[in-house]
Amino acid sequence: MSLFEVRVQAGPFEIGAEQARLSALTPEVGAVVSFTGQVRDAPLLLEHYPGMAEREMEALLADARARWPLIGAIIVHRHGPLAVGEPIVLVLTASSHRRAAFEACEFLMDWLKTRAPFWKKDALGWVDARDSDEQAAARWD
C-alpha cells in the first residue's frame, strides 16, 4: 500500500496524525522524514493560485517519486493569515531506507519554495523570493 497526497488548506494540520498515516502504510516503511516550516518573526498572509498550486505540488511529488523509491509522501501547505509560531508547510516522505526519505523530503521542500505559486505578505509588504532558495533548488537539476 502507498499514499501520495498534496493539500492546500486554510486551517492547521496535525503533524503527528499525518506522520502516523505514513508510518502505518506497510511494514516496508523503515523511515519517515518530516519538515515543518512555521511563521517566524511576524505574522504573515499567504496567498496562492488555487488549482495551479495543487497541480504544481502534484508535479513535484511525481518528480520525487521518479527519483527515489518512496512508499508515501504528504505535502500540506496553508494559506490565509498566520500568526507567529503557526505551521505553514508540512512535507513528509516515507521509504524503506532513510537516505531516500531524507533526500526526497529535502528535494520537495527546495522545489516547493521556488516552483509552487504561493506568496507571502508581512507588515512591510510582499516578501521577495530569496536567491538562497533558488540556489538550493538548482542543485537538484
Protein backbone atom coordinates (compact mmCIF):
# COMPACT_ATOMS: atom_id res chain seq x y z
CA MET A 1 0.00 0.00 0.00
CA SER A 2 1.19 3.54 -0.73
CA LEU A 3 -0.07 7.05 -0.07
CA PHE A 4 0.80 10.18 -2.04
CA GLU A 5 -1.16 13.32 -1.24
CA VAL A 6 -1.00 17.10 -1.58
CA ARG A 7 -3.30 19.58 0.12
CA VAL A 8 -3.66 23.34 0.30
CA GLN A 9 -5.76 24.44 3.24
CA ALA A 10 -6.51 27.42 5.46
CA GLY A 11 -6.71 25.51 8.73
CA PRO A 12 -3.94 23.91 10.75
CA PHE A 13 -2.69 20.37 10.20
CA GLU A 14 -1.84 17.74 12.79
CA ILE A 15 1.80 16.75 12.28
CA GLY A 16 1.62 13.61 14.42
CA ALA A 17 -1.53 12.33 12.72
CA GLU A 18 -0.05 12.86 9.26
CA GLN A 19 3.17 11.10 10.24
CA ALA A 20 1.22 8.20 11.74
CA ARG A 21 -0.66 7.75 8.44
CA LEU A 22 2.63 7.21 6.59
CA SER A 23 4.19 5.07 9.32
CA ALA A 24 1.25 2.66 9.26
CA LEU A 25 1.13 2.15 5.48
CA THR A 26 3.07 -1.10 5.29
CA PRO A 27 5.76 -3.00 7.22
CA GLU A 28 8.21 -1.95 4.49
CA VAL A 29 8.24 1.64 5.81
CA GLY A 30 11.60 1.94 7.51
CA ALA A 31 11.92 5.72 7.53
CA VAL A 32 9.55 8.68 7.74
CA VAL A 33 11.17 12.09 7.40
CA SER A 34 9.34 15.33 8.08
CA PHE A 35 9.89 19.01 7.59
CA THR A 36 7.61 21.60 9.15
CA GLY A 37 8.01 25.26 8.26
CA GLN A 38 6.49 27.80 10.60
CA VAL A 39 5.94 31.54 10.80
CA ARG A 40 8.82 33.37 12.45
CA ASP A 41 9.34 36.99 13.46
CA ALA A 42 6.00 38.49 12.37
CA PRO A 43 2.51 37.42 11.22
CA LEU A 44 2.10 36.58 7.53
CA LEU A 45 -0.60 36.49 4.92
CA LEU A 46 -0.11 33.61 2.48
CA GLU A 47 -1.79 33.78 -0.91
CA HIS A 48 -1.82 31.05 -3.55
CA TYR A 49 -3.08 30.39 -7.04
CA PRO A 50 -5.90 27.84 -6.46
CA GLY A 51 -5.75 24.85 -8.75
CA MET A 52 -2.33 25.74 -10.10
CA ALA A 53 -0.72 25.38 -6.67
CA GLU A 54 -2.08 21.85 -6.28
CA ARG A 55 -1.08 20.89 -9.82
CA GLU A 56 2.47 22.11 -9.27
CA MET A 57 2.69 20.27 -5.95
CA GLU A 58 1.46 17.07 -7.66
CA ALA A 59 4.11 17.52 -10.38
CA LEU A 60 6.83 17.95 -7.74
CA LEU A 61 5.64 14.83 -5.98
CA ALA A 62 5.68 12.87 -9.26
CA ASP A 63 9.25 14.04 -9.86
CA ALA A 64 10.30 12.91 -6.36
CA ARG A 65 8.65 9.52 -6.93
CA ALA A 66 10.65 9.11 -10.16
CA ARG A 67 13.92 9.91 -8.37
CA TRP A 68 13.53 7.93 -5.11
CA PRO A 69 11.82 4.67 -4.09
CA LEU A 70 9.15 6.29 -1.96
CA ILE A 71 6.34 4.38 -0.32
CA GLY A 72 4.44 7.55 0.54
CA ALA A 73 4.60 11.32 0.78
CA ILE A 74 2.33 14.07 2.03
CA ILE A 75 2.66 17.78 1.29
CA VAL A 76 0.37 20.22 3.11
CA HIS A 77 0.63 23.96 2.54
CA ARG A 78 -1.52 26.52 4.33
CA HIS A 79 -2.88 29.83 3.07
CA GLY A 80 -4.52 32.84 4.66
CA PRO A 81 -3.47 34.82 7.73
CA LEU A 82 -0.97 33.07 10.01
CA ALA A 83 0.39 34.10 13.40
CA VAL A 84 3.97 33.74 14.63
CA GLY A 85 4.67 30.13 15.54
CA GLU A 86 1.92 28.66 13.37
CA PRO A 87 2.90 25.92 10.92
CA ILE A 88 2.90 26.92 7.24
CA VAL A 89 4.04 23.82 5.40
CA LEU A 90 4.50 20.13 6.09
CA VAL A 91 6.47 17.74 3.90
CA LEU A 92 6.58 14.07 4.90
CA THR A 93 8.27 11.27 2.99
CA ALA A 94 8.30 7.53 3.68
CA SER A 95 10.59 4.89 2.23
CA SER A 96 12.24 1.65 3.23
CA HIS A 97 15.54 3.42 3.94
CA ARG A 98 16.43 6.77 5.48
CA ARG A 99 18.58 8.18 2.67
CA ALA A 100 15.74 8.15 0.14
CA ALA A 101 13.32 9.64 2.67
CA PHE A 102 15.75 12.42 3.67
CA GLU A 103 16.75 13.32 0.11
CA ALA A 104 13.17 13.28 -1.19
CA CYS A 105 11.95 15.47 1.67
CA GLU A 106 14.72 17.99 1.09
CA PHE A 107 14.12 17.96 -2.68
CA LEU A 108 10.38 18.54 -2.24
CA MET A 109 10.90 21.44 0.15
CA ASP A 110 13.58 23.06 -2.01
CA TRP A 111 11.38 22.90 -5.11
CA LEU A 112 8.21 23.83 -3.26
CA LYS A 113 9.85 27.11 -2.19
CA THR A 114 10.70 28.03 -5.79
CA ARG A 115 8.05 26.43 -8.01
CA ALA A 116 4.69 26.41 -6.25
CA PRO A 117 2.64 29.60 -6.67
CA PHE A 118 2.49 30.86 -3.07
CA TRP A 119 3.19 34.43 -1.98
CA LYS A 120 3.92 35.84 1.47
CA LYS A 121 2.99 39.28 2.74
CA ASP A 122 4.19 40.68 6.04
CA ALA A 123 3.71 44.08 7.69
CA LEU A 124 6.18 45.64 5.22
CA GLY A 125 4.54 44.21 2.08
CA TRP A 126 5.09 41.28 -0.26
CA VAL A 127 8.15 39.19 0.57
CA ASP A 128 10.59 38.73 -2.33
CA ALA A 129 11.96 35.35 -3.31
CA ARG A 130 15.42 34.66 -1.95
CA ASP A 131 18.46 33.78 -4.04
CA SER A 132 19.37 31.13 -1.47
CA ASP A 133 16.11 29.28 -2.21
CA GLU A 134 16.90 29.29 -5.94
CA GLN A 135 20.42 28.03 -5.26
CA ALA A 136 19.11 25.22 -3.05
CA ALA A 137 16.66 24.11 -5.75
CA ALA A 138 19.29 24.35 -8.51
CA ARG A 139 21.38 21.56 -7.01
CA TRP A 140 18.66 19.06 -7.92
CA ASP A 141 18.88 19.83 -11.67
